[in-house]
Structure formats: structure tokens, C-alpha cells
N, C-alpha and C. Protein backbone atom coordinates (compact mmCIF):
# COMPACT_ATOMS: atom_id res chain seq x y z
N MET A 1 9.86 3.25 -2.47
CA MET A 1 9.78 1.84 -3.05
C MET A 1 8.89 1.95 -4.26
N ASP A 2 7.82 2.81 -4.21
CA ASP A 2 7.00 2.84 -5.37
C ASP A 2 7.70 3.76 -6.37
N ARG A 3 8.04 2.97 -7.57
CA ARG A 3 8.66 3.67 -8.57
C ARG A 3 7.92 4.89 -9.14
N GLY A 4 6.84 5.07 -8.85
CA GLY A 4 6.05 6.22 -9.30
C GLY A 4 5.30 6.08 -10.63
N GLY A 5 5.72 5.02 -11.33
CA GLY A 5 5.19 4.86 -12.70
C GLY A 5 4.16 3.73 -12.70
N PRO A 6 3.53 3.52 -13.81
CA PRO A 6 2.51 2.47 -13.87
C PRO A 6 3.30 1.14 -14.02
N PHE A 7 2.56 -0.01 -13.81
CA PHE A 7 3.04 -1.37 -14.02
C PHE A 7 3.64 -1.47 -15.36
N PRO A 8 4.93 -1.91 -15.59
CA PRO A 8 5.57 -2.08 -16.73
C PRO A 8 4.84 -3.02 -17.84
N ARG A 9 4.51 -2.47 -18.91
CA ARG A 9 3.79 -3.33 -19.95
C ARG A 9 4.58 -4.61 -20.33
N HIS A 10 5.82 -4.52 -20.30
CA HIS A 10 6.46 -5.76 -20.78
C HIS A 10 6.32 -6.86 -19.74
N CYS A 11 5.83 -6.54 -18.59
CA CYS A 11 5.68 -7.53 -17.48
C CYS A 11 4.34 -8.15 -17.29
N ILE A 12 3.35 -7.55 -18.15
CA ILE A 12 1.95 -8.01 -18.06
C ILE A 12 1.74 -9.56 -18.24
N ARG A 13 2.40 -10.11 -19.29
CA ARG A 13 2.26 -11.57 -19.55
C ARG A 13 2.90 -12.39 -18.32
N GLN A 14 3.96 -12.02 -17.83
CA GLN A 14 4.59 -12.61 -16.66
C GLN A 14 3.68 -12.65 -15.51
N ARG A 15 2.89 -11.67 -15.34
CA ARG A 15 1.90 -11.53 -14.05
C ARG A 15 1.05 -12.77 -14.14
N LEU A 16 0.66 -13.34 -15.30
CA LEU A 16 -0.17 -14.53 -15.28
C LEU A 16 0.48 -15.80 -14.56
N SER A 17 1.83 -15.83 -14.68
CA SER A 17 2.51 -16.95 -14.06
C SER A 17 2.58 -16.92 -12.52
N LEU A 18 2.05 -16.00 -11.87
CA LEU A 18 1.94 -15.85 -10.42
C LEU A 18 0.61 -16.68 -10.13
N LYS A 19 0.80 -17.83 -9.53
CA LYS A 19 -0.33 -18.67 -9.31
C LYS A 19 -0.87 -18.57 -7.95
N THR A 20 -1.39 -17.39 -7.56
CA THR A 20 -2.00 -17.22 -6.25
C THR A 20 -3.06 -16.16 -6.38
N LYS A 21 -4.09 -16.40 -5.72
CA LYS A 21 -5.25 -15.47 -5.68
C LYS A 21 -4.84 -14.27 -4.65
N PRO A 22 -5.27 -13.09 -4.97
CA PRO A 22 -4.95 -12.02 -3.99
C PRO A 22 -5.49 -12.23 -2.57
N LEU A 23 -4.79 -11.95 -1.56
CA LEU A 23 -5.10 -12.15 -0.24
C LEU A 23 -5.97 -11.04 0.31
N ASN A 24 -7.27 -11.24 0.72
CA ASN A 24 -8.02 -10.26 1.26
C ASN A 24 -7.94 -10.24 2.83
N LEU A 25 -7.06 -9.38 3.20
CA LEU A 25 -6.77 -9.23 4.66
C LEU A 25 -7.99 -8.57 5.52
N VAL A 26 -8.65 -7.69 4.75
CA VAL A 26 -9.88 -7.03 5.44
C VAL A 26 -10.94 -8.15 5.69
N LYS A 27 -11.04 -9.05 4.76
CA LYS A 27 -12.06 -10.10 4.89
C LYS A 27 -11.67 -10.99 6.02
N LEU A 28 -10.35 -11.24 6.07
CA LEU A 28 -9.77 -12.16 7.06
C LEU A 28 -9.91 -11.56 8.49
N SER A 29 -9.95 -10.25 8.54
CA SER A 29 -9.94 -9.61 9.95
C SER A 29 -11.32 -9.24 10.27
N LYS A 30 -12.32 -9.52 9.47
CA LYS A 30 -13.70 -9.22 9.76
C LYS A 30 -14.22 -9.96 10.91
N GLU A 31 -14.87 -9.25 11.84
CA GLU A 31 -15.57 -9.87 12.97
C GLU A 31 -14.52 -10.31 14.05
N LEU A 32 -13.21 -9.85 13.86
CA LEU A 32 -12.25 -10.32 14.91
C LEU A 32 -12.03 -9.27 15.95
N GLU A 33 -11.60 -9.78 17.14
CA GLU A 33 -11.21 -8.80 18.11
C GLU A 33 -9.95 -8.09 17.82
N THR A 34 -9.75 -6.91 18.59
CA THR A 34 -8.59 -6.06 18.13
C THR A 34 -7.27 -6.78 18.16
N GLN A 35 -7.11 -7.67 19.25
CA GLN A 35 -5.81 -8.32 19.37
C GLN A 35 -5.63 -9.28 18.19
N ASP A 36 -6.53 -9.85 17.61
CA ASP A 36 -6.36 -10.79 16.58
C ASP A 36 -6.14 -9.84 15.30
N ARG A 37 -6.62 -8.76 15.16
CA ARG A 37 -6.40 -7.96 14.04
C ARG A 37 -4.97 -7.41 14.11
N ILE A 38 -4.44 -7.21 15.22
CA ILE A 38 -3.16 -6.73 15.45
C ILE A 38 -2.16 -7.84 15.01
N GLN A 39 -2.60 -9.10 15.40
CA GLN A 39 -1.80 -10.30 14.93
C GLN A 39 -1.80 -10.37 13.47
N ILE A 40 -2.78 -10.13 12.67
CA ILE A 40 -2.72 -10.08 11.19
C ILE A 40 -1.82 -9.07 10.67
N VAL A 41 -2.01 -7.88 11.27
CA VAL A 41 -1.02 -6.75 10.81
C VAL A 41 0.45 -7.18 11.12
N HIS A 42 0.70 -7.74 12.23
CA HIS A 42 2.12 -8.05 12.57
C HIS A 42 2.67 -9.10 11.61
N GLN A 43 1.88 -10.13 11.36
CA GLN A 43 2.33 -11.29 10.58
C GLN A 43 2.50 -10.76 9.15
N THR A 44 1.58 -10.03 8.65
CA THR A 44 1.74 -9.53 7.22
C THR A 44 2.99 -8.61 7.13
N LEU A 45 3.18 -7.78 8.06
CA LEU A 45 4.36 -6.87 7.91
C LEU A 45 5.69 -7.73 8.09
N ARG A 46 5.59 -8.76 8.85
CA ARG A 46 6.80 -9.60 9.05
C ARG A 46 7.10 -10.26 7.70
N HIS A 47 6.13 -10.79 7.04
CA HIS A 47 6.31 -11.49 5.77
C HIS A 47 6.77 -10.40 4.66
N ILE A 48 6.24 -9.32 4.68
CA ILE A 48 6.67 -8.15 3.69
C ILE A 48 8.08 -7.83 3.98
N SER A 49 8.41 -7.73 5.16
CA SER A 49 9.85 -7.42 5.52
C SER A 49 10.79 -8.50 5.18
N LYS A 50 10.40 -9.77 5.16
CA LYS A 50 11.16 -10.83 4.80
C LYS A 50 11.41 -10.86 3.25
N ILE A 51 10.34 -10.57 2.57
CA ILE A 51 10.45 -10.51 1.16
C ILE A 51 11.30 -9.44 0.53
N TYR A 52 11.21 -8.27 1.22
CA TYR A 52 12.08 -7.13 0.70
C TYR A 52 13.49 -7.10 1.30
N SER A 53 13.98 -8.21 2.01
CA SER A 53 15.31 -8.50 2.42
C SER A 53 15.90 -9.55 1.49
N MET A 54 15.21 -9.96 0.51
CA MET A 54 15.67 -10.94 -0.40
C MET A 54 16.52 -10.33 -1.53
N ASN A 55 16.97 -10.99 -2.53
CA ASN A 55 17.75 -10.68 -3.60
C ASN A 55 16.99 -9.49 -4.41
N LEU A 56 17.37 -8.21 -4.20
CA LEU A 56 16.85 -7.15 -4.91
C LEU A 56 17.58 -6.65 -6.02
N GLY A 57 18.58 -7.47 -6.51
CA GLY A 57 19.47 -7.04 -7.61
C GLY A 57 18.82 -6.64 -8.80
N SER A 58 17.76 -7.32 -9.24
CA SER A 58 16.99 -6.85 -10.52
C SER A 58 16.10 -5.76 -10.37
N ALA A 59 15.64 -5.47 -9.19
CA ALA A 59 14.63 -4.48 -9.01
C ALA A 59 15.21 -3.08 -9.44
N THR A 60 14.47 -2.32 -10.04
CA THR A 60 14.90 -1.04 -10.50
C THR A 60 14.49 0.17 -9.55
N TRP A 61 14.21 -0.10 -8.43
CA TRP A 61 13.83 0.92 -7.52
C TRP A 61 14.97 1.66 -6.92
N ALA A 62 14.85 2.88 -6.52
CA ALA A 62 15.96 3.57 -5.83
C ALA A 62 16.29 2.80 -4.50
N ARG A 63 17.51 2.52 -4.38
CA ARG A 63 17.87 1.75 -3.12
C ARG A 63 17.59 2.43 -1.83
N ASP A 64 17.74 3.83 -1.81
CA ASP A 64 17.31 4.49 -0.59
C ASP A 64 15.87 4.43 -0.24
N GLN A 65 14.96 4.20 -1.29
CA GLN A 65 13.59 4.07 -0.98
C GLN A 65 13.32 2.64 -0.29
N VAL A 66 13.98 1.63 -0.94
CA VAL A 66 13.89 0.34 -0.41
C VAL A 66 14.43 0.32 1.11
N GLU A 67 15.54 0.90 1.35
CA GLU A 67 16.15 1.03 2.66
C GLU A 67 15.15 1.63 3.58
N ASN A 68 14.50 2.73 3.19
CA ASN A 68 13.56 3.48 3.97
C ASN A 68 12.32 2.57 4.29
N LEU A 69 11.86 1.75 3.39
CA LEU A 69 10.85 0.88 3.56
C LEU A 69 11.18 -0.15 4.66
N GLN A 70 12.42 -0.73 4.45
CA GLN A 70 12.90 -1.71 5.41
C GLN A 70 12.99 -1.10 6.75
N LEU A 71 13.42 0.01 6.89
CA LEU A 71 13.59 0.70 8.27
C LEU A 71 12.15 0.91 8.87
N LEU A 72 11.27 1.40 8.10
CA LEU A 72 9.92 1.53 8.59
C LEU A 72 9.27 0.24 9.02
N LEU A 73 9.37 -0.73 8.26
CA LEU A 73 8.86 -2.11 8.56
C LEU A 73 9.52 -2.69 9.82
N ASP A 74 10.83 -2.42 9.97
CA ASP A 74 11.55 -2.89 11.29
C ASP A 74 11.03 -2.08 12.56
N ARG A 75 10.77 -0.82 12.33
CA ARG A 75 10.25 0.04 13.42
C ARG A 75 8.87 -0.45 13.77
N GLN A 76 8.01 -0.58 12.75
CA GLN A 76 6.54 -0.98 13.00
C GLN A 76 6.55 -2.38 13.70
N LEU A 77 7.38 -3.23 13.18
CA LEU A 77 7.40 -4.63 13.74
C LEU A 77 7.80 -4.60 15.21
N GLY A 78 8.83 -3.77 15.52
CA GLY A 78 9.35 -3.66 16.92
C GLY A 78 8.21 -3.05 17.84
N GLU A 79 7.41 -2.19 17.46
CA GLU A 79 6.37 -1.55 18.18
C GLU A 79 5.18 -2.69 18.32
N LEU A 80 5.00 -3.40 17.23
CA LEU A 80 3.89 -4.44 17.27
C LEU A 80 4.25 -5.70 18.19
N GLU A 81 5.49 -5.96 18.25
CA GLU A 81 5.96 -7.14 19.13
C GLU A 81 5.37 -7.00 20.57
N GLU A 82 5.27 -5.73 21.05
CA GLU A 82 4.74 -5.52 22.37
C GLU A 82 3.12 -5.91 22.47
N CYS A 83 2.52 -5.76 21.33
CA CYS A 83 1.10 -5.90 21.27
C CYS A 83 0.62 -7.29 20.85
N VAL A 84 1.43 -8.03 20.40
CA VAL A 84 1.14 -9.37 19.85
C VAL A 84 1.10 -10.53 20.77
N ARG A 85 0.05 -11.20 21.03
CA ARG A 85 0.12 -12.41 21.88
C ARG A 85 0.25 -13.65 20.95
N LYS A 86 0.73 -14.71 21.57
CA LYS A 86 0.92 -16.01 20.87
C LYS A 86 -0.51 -16.43 20.39
N PRO A 87 -0.60 -17.02 19.07
CA PRO A 87 -1.78 -17.51 18.58
C PRO A 87 -2.31 -18.65 19.44
N GLY A 88 -3.62 -18.65 19.73
CA GLY A 88 -4.10 -19.73 20.60
C GLY A 88 -5.04 -20.69 20.01
N SER A 89 -6.09 -20.07 19.39
CA SER A 89 -7.16 -21.00 18.81
C SER A 89 -6.75 -21.56 17.36
N GLU A 90 -7.49 -22.54 17.07
CA GLU A 90 -7.27 -23.11 15.71
C GLU A 90 -7.80 -22.12 14.63
N HIS A 91 -8.78 -21.51 14.97
CA HIS A 91 -9.34 -20.51 14.01
C HIS A 91 -8.28 -19.47 13.61
N LYS A 92 -7.61 -19.02 14.71
CA LYS A 92 -6.49 -17.98 14.40
C LYS A 92 -5.41 -18.68 13.62
N MET A 93 -5.11 -19.87 13.90
CA MET A 93 -3.92 -20.55 13.09
C MET A 93 -4.32 -20.72 11.70
N ARG A 94 -5.58 -20.95 11.34
CA ARG A 94 -5.97 -21.10 10.01
C ARG A 94 -5.83 -19.62 9.24
N ARG A 95 -6.30 -18.56 9.89
CA ARG A 95 -6.05 -17.26 9.27
C ARG A 95 -4.57 -17.04 9.08
N ASN A 96 -3.76 -17.31 10.06
CA ASN A 96 -2.28 -17.12 10.00
C ASN A 96 -1.70 -17.97 8.93
N SER A 97 -2.22 -19.20 8.67
CA SER A 97 -1.69 -20.05 7.66
C SER A 97 -2.05 -19.47 6.30
N ALA A 98 -3.16 -18.73 6.12
CA ALA A 98 -3.62 -18.21 4.82
C ALA A 98 -2.63 -17.02 4.45
N ILE A 99 -2.20 -16.34 5.43
CA ILE A 99 -1.27 -15.23 5.21
C ILE A 99 0.11 -15.80 4.99
N HIS A 100 0.40 -16.89 5.71
CA HIS A 100 1.73 -17.54 5.55
C HIS A 100 1.90 -18.21 4.03
N ASN A 101 0.78 -18.88 3.72
CA ASN A 101 0.75 -19.49 2.40
C ASN A 101 0.85 -18.58 1.27
N TYR A 102 0.21 -17.44 1.40
CA TYR A 102 0.15 -16.38 0.35
C TYR A 102 1.59 -15.88 0.13
N PHE A 103 2.30 -15.59 1.19
CA PHE A 103 3.60 -14.96 1.07
C PHE A 103 4.57 -15.93 0.63
N ARG A 104 4.30 -17.23 1.04
CA ARG A 104 5.32 -18.27 0.68
C ARG A 104 5.15 -18.41 -0.97
N LYS A 105 3.92 -18.32 -1.49
CA LYS A 105 3.88 -18.32 -2.94
C LYS A 105 4.44 -17.14 -3.61
N LEU A 106 4.52 -15.99 -3.02
CA LEU A 106 5.09 -14.85 -3.56
C LEU A 106 6.70 -15.07 -3.61
N GLU A 107 7.18 -15.58 -2.47
CA GLU A 107 8.66 -15.89 -2.48
C GLU A 107 9.01 -16.96 -3.47
N LYS A 108 8.23 -18.01 -3.49
CA LYS A 108 8.44 -19.02 -4.55
C LYS A 108 8.50 -18.45 -5.99
N PHE A 109 7.56 -17.62 -6.23
CA PHE A 109 7.41 -17.00 -7.42
C PHE A 109 8.76 -16.14 -7.84
N LEU A 110 9.19 -15.31 -6.79
CA LEU A 110 10.40 -14.62 -7.06
C LEU A 110 11.58 -15.53 -7.39
N LYS A 111 11.72 -16.67 -6.58
CA LYS A 111 12.78 -17.57 -6.88
C LYS A 111 12.65 -18.16 -8.29
N GLN A 112 11.41 -18.67 -8.64
CA GLN A 112 11.31 -19.33 -9.90
C GLN A 112 11.61 -18.36 -11.02
N GLU A 113 11.33 -17.14 -10.90
CA GLU A 113 11.52 -16.13 -11.90
C GLU A 113 12.97 -15.46 -11.77
N LYS A 114 13.71 -16.04 -10.96
CA LYS A 114 15.19 -15.69 -10.72
C LYS A 114 15.29 -14.22 -10.30
N PHE A 115 14.33 -13.74 -9.54
CA PHE A 115 14.37 -12.32 -9.06
C PHE A 115 14.40 -11.31 -10.10
N SER A 116 13.64 -11.55 -11.11
CA SER A 116 13.70 -10.70 -12.31
C SER A 116 13.15 -9.38 -11.93
N GLU A 117 13.32 -8.46 -12.88
CA GLU A 117 12.70 -7.04 -12.74
C GLU A 117 11.12 -7.20 -12.61
N CYS A 118 10.64 -8.03 -13.69
CA CYS A 118 9.15 -8.11 -13.69
C CYS A 118 8.65 -8.83 -12.51
N ALA A 119 9.41 -9.81 -12.03
CA ALA A 119 8.82 -10.60 -10.75
C ALA A 119 8.71 -9.62 -9.64
N TRP A 120 9.78 -8.80 -9.60
CA TRP A 120 9.74 -7.78 -8.44
C TRP A 120 8.68 -6.79 -8.61
N GLU A 121 8.37 -6.36 -9.88
CA GLU A 121 7.29 -5.52 -10.10
C GLU A 121 5.90 -6.11 -9.75
N ILE A 122 5.75 -7.36 -10.07
CA ILE A 122 4.52 -8.06 -9.75
C ILE A 122 4.32 -8.16 -8.19
N VAL A 123 5.39 -8.47 -7.52
CA VAL A 123 5.43 -8.63 -6.02
C VAL A 123 5.15 -7.27 -5.35
N ARG A 124 5.79 -6.25 -6.00
CA ARG A 124 5.52 -4.96 -5.53
C ARG A 124 4.10 -4.53 -5.54
N THR A 125 3.32 -4.80 -6.58
CA THR A 125 1.94 -4.50 -6.74
C THR A 125 1.15 -5.31 -5.67
N GLN A 126 1.57 -6.65 -5.46
CA GLN A 126 0.90 -7.40 -4.52
C GLN A 126 1.11 -6.91 -3.03
N THR A 127 2.29 -6.61 -2.73
CA THR A 127 2.56 -6.10 -1.37
C THR A 127 1.95 -4.67 -1.11
N ARG A 128 1.84 -3.88 -2.31
CA ARG A 128 1.41 -2.56 -2.05
C ARG A 128 -0.19 -2.79 -1.69
N ALA A 129 -0.85 -3.70 -2.41
CA ALA A 129 -2.29 -3.91 -2.10
C ALA A 129 -2.43 -4.38 -0.76
N ARG A 130 -1.64 -5.15 -0.25
CA ARG A 130 -1.77 -5.74 1.11
C ARG A 130 -1.45 -4.54 2.11
N LEU A 131 -0.54 -3.65 1.87
CA LEU A 131 -0.36 -2.65 2.73
C LEU A 131 -1.50 -1.63 2.80
N GLN A 132 -2.15 -1.41 1.68
CA GLN A 132 -3.36 -0.46 1.63
C GLN A 132 -4.51 -1.32 2.38
N GLN A 133 -4.61 -2.54 2.36
CA GLN A 133 -5.54 -3.17 3.30
C GLN A 133 -5.25 -3.17 4.74
N LEU A 134 -3.89 -3.16 5.04
CA LEU A 134 -3.54 -3.04 6.48
C LEU A 134 -3.83 -1.65 6.98
N LEU A 135 -3.80 -0.61 6.13
CA LEU A 135 -4.16 0.75 6.55
C LEU A 135 -5.74 0.63 6.89
N PHE A 136 -6.44 0.10 6.16
CA PHE A 136 -7.87 -0.07 6.54
C PHE A 136 -8.12 -0.74 7.84
N ILE A 137 -7.50 -1.86 8.04
CA ILE A 137 -7.59 -2.62 9.28
C ILE A 137 -7.04 -1.83 10.49
N ILE A 138 -6.02 -1.08 10.29
CA ILE A 138 -5.54 -0.29 11.36
C ILE A 138 -6.53 0.92 11.70
N ALA A 139 -7.15 1.43 10.72
CA ALA A 139 -8.16 2.43 10.96
C ALA A 139 -9.40 1.85 11.73
N GLN A 140 -9.69 0.65 11.52
CA GLN A 140 -10.79 -0.07 12.24
C GLN A 140 -10.36 -0.19 13.66
N ILE A 141 -9.10 -0.68 13.92
CA ILE A 141 -8.58 -0.92 15.19
C ILE A 141 -8.64 0.47 15.88
N SER A 142 -8.21 1.50 15.39
CA SER A 142 -8.20 2.84 15.91
C SER A 142 -9.59 3.30 16.32
N ARG A 143 -10.55 3.04 15.46
CA ARG A 143 -11.92 3.54 15.68
C ARG A 143 -12.51 2.79 16.98
N ARG A 144 -12.13 1.51 17.04
CA ARG A 144 -12.61 0.67 18.22
C ARG A 144 -12.07 1.08 19.58
N ASN A 145 -10.88 1.66 19.61
CA ASN A 145 -10.20 2.00 20.77
C ASN A 145 -10.33 3.45 21.18
């Protein structure tokens, strides 16, 4: 999925039209129990999976790499389903709504920009950053167990 190159220069101006602050998943997961961190990982992967099943027509990435990403996400989500419990507290719901709202804005941005190449590149950088944050959270979970 990663094209391997830097962010396209001709897309820099368009990046400003994404009206959302980056989501800090590490901060969201701070001081949480393992189960709640797993919930954050699950919800984030579910949203990323949903985005990458949208109209990829203008994306310039190799199709096989996108398909591999989608397969990996599906497999991880399947494994996480067994670990996730239903959200219970209001506190958790707030965290989940922060994740939901962030990804809703990314989807809205893609639609407003008519799934352009630049819109996809901007979303790619956003989702890549969230995946890197998830790696950190998963490492924290592994250290606790």
C-alpha cells in the first residue's frame, strides 16, 4: 500500500482542506485496561478497513498491495473479534466516538474530493500514522501480559 515514495508535492495544498486534527490513539489509550486498548485497536482497524474498501479508482497504488492490506486487516479483525467485549461505560463510548468522528471526517474528505489521487494520498498518510500508533499500543499490551 505504501507507494514507497514521498508525499506528492502537487498534493500539498489540498492537504490543508482536510479539516481534522490528527487522532492520537496513544493518548486515547493511556491509563486504560488491556481490554479497552484492544477495543481501540479493533475499532481503528475496522474503520481503516472500511476506508480501503471504498472507491480506489484514482489511487495510484499497486492493486495487489491494496488487496494484501485488505486481507491482513480482515484477518486481524477476525482475530480481534474474539477479544473485544461490548463497550460499557460512558467513558469508553467517548473514546470510541473520537475514533468514529475522526474516520468519518476522512471518509467525508474522500467523498468531497471525489476520491482523487491527492485525497487518497492524504488519507494514506493519515491511516499510516494511525497504524504506527497501533503498533505502539499493541507493544504496550504485549508488555503487560
